[in-house]
Amino acid sequence: MRSNWTKRSIAAALLASAIIAGGFCYLSFRQSAAAQASPGPELLAALPAGAPTLVYLDLTAVRASSFYQHRPDKGPIALPNQEYAEFVRSTGFDFEKDLDRVAVASWPASGNELRKNIVIAEGRFDRAKIRSYAMREGKLGHQQGHEVFVFPTGAGTGSNSLSFLDDQHIVMVDGPSIAPAFAGHSEDSAADPARERAARLDGAAAFAITRVPPVPDHFAQGGAQAAQLANLARSIQWVTLAARPEGDNLRISLEGECDNGADALQLKSALELLRMFGRAGLESPKTRQSMDPTALAMVQSLLTSAEVTQADERVRIRVEITPDIFKLGETRKPE
């Protein structure tokens, strides 16, 4: 049905493409004066407060990075999606060139409340062409003083809405109303736990912050060790993944925040033990024969260089990614 693929095409331009580009966020950042002055906080401030999950991607940093320039394939990043290709032809919008930043606030389904996502995208949009394209299958309305396009979901049982905040910003919301995008704003990051954690990530060009959902009672049943694992999992309250440029490399940080320091220390010990087992496993002749040599060397390097640290209730794993990561994507020539 054309109404469904029209909506999905626009979503692909702002969401799916950003997720694909997010892979380059892990591989493609470099510190610069522009990165230090990133408008990320302003974009996040435009989202409603209280979301248990926040995601931010700075695609401008990707395009300016040395990693991105060193990729083996210098051609455009192709999306294997004909609907997105049609969207590009009709509107002239190409995420690789025109999408600059994306911020997402997400709430899980709870009780009678459905899962809710609010996305704000910043870039260069041809408003007239996108409006014309959206009107082919969508429905036009006016809400909160904005022109709103409402599209049916793929399942046909719900809808999503899209609106221009201005010529450089688009907002997308699950559901037929754009109102959730304007509700519950707060300038006080301390009153918003996820945003307060985002404020600590100065210089990060990409991050995802999420509150860990409750661990079910039946998790890891089967003895004392399983119960200990379940209790440790329940102690982890927040997880933060961030990518920060460090010279020509990219530093990735994964942080787990426990509800007390004793559990954090135990988590750090468990991670160190897993790293030891991982390094031992890579020494196995069977593993060495089955893995690509480049991938094997990369994993060995990551396990060796990874830093596991603990400060109070926080446990952090840091790894450095070098341009050698691109070799993993090269096709091996037959001997």
Protein backbone atom coordinates (compact mmCIF):
# COMPACT_ATOMS: atom_id res chain seq x y z
CA MET A 1 0.00 0.00 0.00
CA ARG A 2 1.46 3.35 -1.04
CA SER A 3 0.35 5.11 2.13
CA ASN A 4 2.50 2.75 4.17
CA TRP A 5 5.63 3.03 2.09
CA THR A 6 5.31 6.80 1.90
CA LYS A 7 5.43 7.05 5.67
CA ARG A 8 8.26 4.54 5.89
CA SER A 9 10.26 6.47 3.29
CA ILE A 10 10.22 9.63 5.37
CA ALA A 11 11.02 7.65 8.49
CA ALA A 12 13.93 6.05 6.68
CA ALA A 13 15.30 9.47 5.81
CA LEU A 14 15.30 10.58 9.43
CA LEU A 15 15.63 7.39 11.45
CA ALA A 16 16.86 4.30 9.65
CA SER A 17 19.47 6.23 7.75
CA ALA A 18 20.64 7.85 10.96
CA ILE A 19 21.04 4.43 12.55
CA ILE A 20 23.16 3.28 9.63
CA ALA A 21 25.20 6.44 9.89
CA GLY A 22 25.44 5.66 13.59
CA GLY A 23 27.76 2.83 12.64
CA PHE A 24 30.11 5.48 11.34
CA CYS A 25 29.68 7.34 14.62
CA TYR A 26 31.53 4.40 16.17
CA LEU A 27 34.20 4.62 13.52
CA SER A 28 34.34 8.15 12.23
CA PHE A 29 34.87 11.02 14.65
CA ARG A 30 37.64 13.48 15.16
CA GLN A 31 37.92 16.21 17.76
CA SER A 32 37.69 19.77 16.46
CA ALA A 33 36.70 23.22 17.66
CA ALA A 34 33.36 22.67 15.98
CA ALA A 35 32.81 19.51 17.99
CA GLN A 36 33.45 21.37 21.23
CA ALA A 37 30.76 23.86 20.24
CA SER A 38 28.28 21.15 19.21
CA PRO A 39 24.65 22.26 19.41
CA GLY A 40 23.70 18.88 20.87
CA PRO A 41 22.45 20.33 24.20
CA GLU A 42 20.13 22.68 22.32
CA LEU A 43 18.73 19.83 20.26
CA LEU A 44 18.20 17.69 23.37
CA ALA A 45 16.55 20.62 25.13
CA ALA A 46 13.93 20.66 22.38
CA LEU A 47 12.81 17.17 23.43
CA PRO A 48 10.29 16.65 26.24
CA ALA A 49 11.75 15.86 29.64
CA GLY A 50 11.50 12.56 31.47
CA ALA A 51 12.37 10.03 28.76
CA PRO A 52 14.18 6.95 30.14
CA THR A 53 16.12 6.65 26.86
CA LEU A 54 17.98 9.38 24.98
CA VAL A 55 19.97 8.94 21.76
CA TYR A 56 22.07 11.59 20.02
CA LEU A 57 24.01 11.39 16.73
CA ASP A 58 26.11 14.19 15.26
CA LEU A 59 26.36 13.30 11.57
CA THR A 60 28.20 16.52 10.77
CA ALA A 61 31.09 15.19 12.86
CA VAL A 62 30.96 11.96 10.87
CA ARG A 63 31.36 13.75 7.56
CA ALA A 64 34.20 15.92 8.90
CA SER A 65 36.12 13.07 10.50
CA SER A 66 39.37 11.61 9.28
CA PHE A 67 38.01 8.09 9.76
CA TYR A 68 35.18 8.77 7.34
CA GLN A 69 37.59 10.16 4.79
CA HIS A 70 39.81 7.09 5.10
CA ARG A 71 37.05 4.58 4.40
CA PRO A 72 37.99 2.24 1.53
CA ASP A 73 34.84 2.94 -0.47
CA LYS A 74 34.76 6.65 -1.26
CA GLY A 75 31.35 6.46 -2.90
CA PRO A 76 28.09 7.42 -1.22
CA ILE A 77 26.68 5.25 1.54
CA ALA A 78 23.95 3.27 -0.16
CA LEU A 79 20.79 2.24 1.64
CA PRO A 80 19.37 -1.04 0.34
CA ASN A 81 15.89 0.46 0.28
CA GLN A 82 14.01 1.40 -2.87
CA GLU A 83 11.48 3.41 -0.90
CA TYR A 84 14.21 5.66 0.46
CA ALA A 85 15.63 6.01 -3.06
CA GLU A 86 12.20 7.20 -4.22
CA PHE A 87 12.08 9.66 -1.33
CA VAL A 88 15.46 11.07 -2.39
CA ARG A 89 14.34 11.41 -6.01
CA SER A 90 11.12 13.16 -5.04
CA THR A 91 12.43 15.52 -2.39
CA GLY A 92 16.15 15.90 -3.07
CA PHE A 93 16.88 14.95 0.56
CA ASP A 94 19.91 12.70 1.11
CA PHE A 95 20.82 11.91 4.71
CA GLU A 96 24.53 11.60 3.91
CA LYS A 97 24.68 15.21 2.74
CA ASP A 98 21.66 16.90 4.29
CA LEU A 99 21.05 15.35 7.71
CA ASP A 100 23.24 16.98 10.38
CA ARG A 101 22.03 15.84 13.80
CA VAL A 102 19.38 13.60 15.29
CA ALA A 103 18.06 13.45 18.86
CA VAL A 104 15.62 10.79 20.07
CA ALA A 105 13.60 10.49 23.26
CA SER A 106 11.96 7.13 23.86
CA TRP A 107 9.50 5.72 26.38
CA PRO A 108 8.74 1.97 26.59
CA ALA A 109 5.25 0.54 26.54
CA SER A 110 3.74 0.50 30.01
CA GLY A 111 0.27 -0.64 31.03
CA ASN A 112 -2.18 0.92 28.61
CA GLU A 113 0.49 3.27 27.29
CA LEU A 114 2.08 2.34 23.95
CA ARG A 115 5.76 2.75 23.21
CA LYS A 116 6.49 6.38 22.33
CA ASN A 117 9.35 7.85 20.32
CA ILE A 118 9.96 11.51 19.61
CA VAL A 119 12.62 12.36 17.04
CA ILE A 120 14.03 15.77 16.16
CA ALA A 121 16.21 15.95 13.06
CA GLU A 122 18.32 18.92 12.04
CA GLY A 123 19.48 19.48 8.49
CA ARG A 124 18.67 20.96 5.12
CA PHE A 125 15.17 20.16 3.91
CA ASP A 126 13.26 21.30 0.84
CA ARG A 127 10.05 22.05 2.68
CA ALA A 128 7.88 22.43 -0.41
CA LYS A 129 9.05 19.15 -1.99
CA ILE A 130 8.67 17.19 1.24
CA ARG A 131 5.20 18.65 1.76
CA SER A 132 4.19 17.68 -1.77
CA TYR A 133 5.57 14.19 -1.34
CA ALA A 134 3.92 13.69 2.05
CA MET A 135 0.54 14.85 0.78
CA ARG A 136 0.38 12.05 -1.80
CA GLU A 137 -0.58 9.51 0.84
CA GLY A 138 -0.61 11.30 4.18
CA LYS A 139 -3.26 13.45 5.80
CA LEU A 140 -2.71 17.15 6.49
CA GLY A 141 -3.79 18.79 9.72
CA HIS A 142 -2.89 21.72 11.99
CA GLN A 143 -1.84 21.20 15.60
CA GLN A 144 0.02 23.31 18.15
CA GLY A 145 0.29 26.05 15.53
CA HIS A 146 2.12 23.74 13.12
CA GLU A 147 1.25 22.00 9.89
CA VAL A 148 1.21 18.27 10.65
CA PHE A 149 1.29 15.27 8.31
CA VAL A 150 -0.26 12.09 9.70
CA PHE A 151 0.61 8.71 8.17
CA PRO A 152 -0.74 5.21 8.89
CA THR A 153 1.71 2.74 10.35
CA GLY A 154 2.79 -0.37 8.51
CA ALA A 155 0.37 -2.47 10.58
CA GLY A 156 -2.48 -0.18 9.59
CA THR A 157 -3.72 0.04 13.20
CA GLY A 158 -2.05 3.28 14.21
CA SER A 159 -0.41 6.37 12.84
CA ASN A 160 2.64 8.60 13.09
CA SER A 161 2.95 12.34 12.69
CA LEU A 162 5.58 14.63 11.18
CA SER A 163 5.92 18.39 11.34
CA PHE A 164 8.40 21.14 10.54
CA LEU A 165 9.52 23.10 13.57
CA ASP A 166 11.30 25.46 11.19
CA ASP A 167 13.14 25.15 7.89
CA GLN A 168 16.05 23.27 9.53
CA HIS A 169 14.21 21.04 12.00
CA ILE A 170 11.67 18.24 11.63
CA VAL A 171 9.92 16.43 14.47
CA MET A 172 8.39 12.95 14.26
CA VAL A 173 6.10 11.45 16.91
CA ASP A 174 4.45 8.06 17.32
CA GLY A 175 0.70 8.56 17.07
CA PRO A 176 -1.64 10.99 15.31
CA SER A 177 -0.84 13.95 17.55
CA ILE A 178 2.25 16.13 17.58
CA ALA A 179 1.36 17.36 21.09
CA PRO A 180 3.77 15.00 22.96
CA ALA A 181 6.69 16.80 21.32
CA PHE A 182 5.73 20.03 23.10
CA ALA A 183 4.87 18.60 26.51
CA GLY A 184 6.94 18.56 29.68
CA HIS A 185 9.96 20.65 28.68
CA SER A 186 12.38 21.59 31.41
CA GLU A 187 15.59 23.60 31.46
CA ASP A 188 16.71 21.85 34.65
CA SER A 189 18.77 18.81 33.60
CA ALA A 190 19.05 17.69 37.24
CA ALA A 191 15.29 17.11 37.28
CA ASP A 192 15.62 14.81 34.24
CA PRO A 193 17.87 11.79 35.07
CA ALA A 194 18.71 10.86 31.46
CA ARG A 195 19.44 14.44 30.46
CA GLU A 196 21.52 14.97 33.61
CA ARG A 197 23.68 12.05 32.51
CA ALA A 198 23.89 13.46 28.99
CA ALA A 199 25.26 16.70 30.44
CA ARG A 200 28.32 14.77 31.67
CA LEU A 201 29.22 13.65 28.15
CA ASP A 202 31.02 16.81 27.09
CA GLY A 203 32.71 16.24 23.73
CA ALA A 204 30.83 13.03 22.90
CA ALA A 205 29.62 13.10 19.31
CA ALA A 206 27.28 10.15 19.75
CA PHE A 207 25.65 8.58 22.78
CA ALA A 208 22.78 6.43 23.97
CA ILE A 209 21.54 6.58 27.56
CA THR A 210 18.89 4.25 28.91
CA ARG A 211 17.40 3.28 32.22
CA VAL A 212 17.62 -0.50 32.64
CA PRO A 213 14.16 -2.08 32.88
CA PRO A 214 13.38 -4.23 35.93
CA VAL A 215 14.88 -7.71 35.80
CA PRO A 216 12.09 -10.34 36.04
CA ASP A 217 11.96 -12.71 38.99
CA HIS A 218 12.54 -15.77 36.78
CA PHE A 219 15.80 -14.35 35.37
CA ALA A 220 18.77 -16.79 35.57
CA GLN A 221 17.10 -19.47 37.67
CA GLY A 222 19.23 -22.42 38.71
CA GLY A 223 21.36 -22.19 41.83
CA ALA A 224 23.36 -19.77 43.94
CA GLN A 225 25.53 -18.49 41.10
CA ALA A 226 22.48 -17.76 38.97
CA ALA A 227 20.87 -15.89 41.88
CA GLN A 228 24.05 -13.88 42.38
CA LEU A 229 24.05 -13.00 38.66
CA ALA A 230 20.41 -11.95 38.83
CA ASN A 231 21.04 -9.72 41.85
CA LEU A 232 23.98 -8.09 40.11
CA ALA A 233 21.87 -7.48 36.99
CA ARG A 234 19.14 -5.92 39.12
CA SER A 235 21.68 -3.57 40.63
CA ILE A 236 22.47 -1.95 37.25
CA GLN A 237 20.18 1.07 36.97
CA TRP A 238 21.53 2.97 33.94
CA VAL A 239 23.65 2.14 30.89
CA THR A 240 25.46 4.79 28.84
CA LEU A 241 27.26 4.22 25.54
CA ALA A 242 29.27 7.16 24.19
CA ALA A 243 31.69 7.81 21.33
CA ARG A 244 34.28 10.52 21.88
CA PRO A 245 36.94 11.63 19.36
CA GLU A 246 40.51 11.31 20.58
CA GLY A 247 42.96 12.56 17.96
CA ASP A 248 42.85 10.20 14.98
CA ASN A 249 41.17 7.46 16.98
CA LEU A 250 37.75 7.03 18.48
CA ARG A 251 37.30 6.29 22.17
CA ILE A 252 34.17 4.32 22.99
CA SER A 253 32.94 4.21 26.57
CA LEU A 254 30.33 1.82 27.98
CA GLU A 255 29.23 2.65 31.51
CA GLY A 256 26.98 0.73 33.86
CA GLU A 257 25.64 2.52 36.92
CA CYS A 258 24.80 0.28 39.88
CA ASP A 259 22.72 1.23 42.88
CA ASN A 260 25.68 0.79 45.27
CA GLY A 261 29.46 0.70 45.23
CA ALA A 262 29.79 -2.90 46.44
CA ASP A 263 27.84 -4.21 43.44
CA ALA A 264 29.86 -1.97 41.13
CA LEU A 265 33.08 -3.51 42.43
CA GLN A 266 31.65 -6.98 41.90
CA LEU A 267 30.63 -6.06 38.35
CA LYS A 268 34.13 -4.77 37.61
CA SER A 269 35.62 -8.08 38.83
CA ALA A 270 33.19 -10.05 36.65
CA LEU A 271 34.13 -8.02 33.57
CA GLU A 272 37.83 -8.53 34.21
CA LEU A 273 37.22 -12.27 34.51
CA LEU A 274 35.30 -12.30 31.23
CA ARG A 275 38.14 -10.45 29.52
CA MET A 276 40.60 -13.03 30.81
CA PHE A 277 38.45 -15.88 29.47
CA GLY A 278 38.07 -14.06 26.15
CA ARG A 279 41.80 -13.65 25.71
CA ALA A 280 42.35 -17.31 26.60
CA GLY A 281 39.70 -18.34 24.08
CA LEU A 282 41.44 -16.45 21.30
CA GLU A 283 44.57 -18.51 21.92
CA SER A 284 42.73 -21.68 20.97
CA PRO A 285 44.01 -23.16 17.66
CA LYS A 286 40.42 -23.84 16.62
CA THR A 287 39.49 -20.19 17.15
CA ARG A 288 42.54 -18.98 15.25
CA GLN A 289 41.71 -21.21 12.30
CA SER A 290 38.05 -20.20 12.15
CA MET A 291 38.49 -16.41 12.46
CA ASP A 292 39.69 -13.99 9.82
CA PRO A 293 43.25 -12.96 10.80
CA THR A 294 42.40 -9.25 10.66
CA ALA A 295 39.34 -9.73 12.86
CA LEU A 296 41.36 -11.89 15.26
CA ALA A 297 44.06 -9.23 15.58
CA MET A 298 41.45 -6.52 16.12
CA VAL A 299 39.64 -8.44 18.87
CA GLN A 300 42.94 -9.26 20.57
CA SER A 301 43.92 -5.61 20.48
CA LEU A 302 40.59 -4.50 21.94
CA LEU A 303 40.72 -7.06 24.75
CA THR A 304 44.30 -6.06 25.57
CA SER A 305 43.79 -2.30 25.46
CA ALA A 306 40.35 -2.15 27.07
CA GLU A 307 40.29 -0.30 30.38
CA VAL A 308 37.84 -1.43 33.06
CA THR A 309 37.50 1.09 35.87
CA GLN A 310 35.20 1.68 38.81
CA ALA A 311 34.34 4.89 40.61
CA ASP A 312 31.74 4.69 43.35
CA GLU A 313 28.67 3.04 41.80
CA ARG A 314 29.83 3.40 38.17
CA VAL A 315 31.76 0.80 36.16
CA ARG A 316 33.22 1.86 32.83
CA ILE A 317 34.80 0.04 29.90
CA ARG A 318 36.88 2.16 27.53
CA VAL A 319 38.29 1.01 24.19
CA GLU A 320 40.12 2.87 21.43
CA ILE A 321 39.20 2.20 17.80
CA THR A 322 41.88 2.91 15.19
CA PRO A 323 41.54 3.28 11.40
CA ASP A 324 42.59 -0.37 11.11
CA ILE A 325 38.94 -1.22 11.80
CA PHE A 326 38.22 -0.48 8.14
CA LYS A 327 40.30 -3.46 7.13
CA LEU A 328 37.56 -5.67 8.52
CA GLY A 329 35.29 -4.46 5.75
CA GLU A 330 37.70 -5.22 2.94
CA THR A 331 37.02 -8.27 0.82
CA ARG A 332 39.73 -10.86 1.14
CA LYS A 333 41.35 -11.64 -2.19
CA PRO A 334 41.54 -15.31 -3.16
CA GLU A 335 44.99 -16.78 -2.91
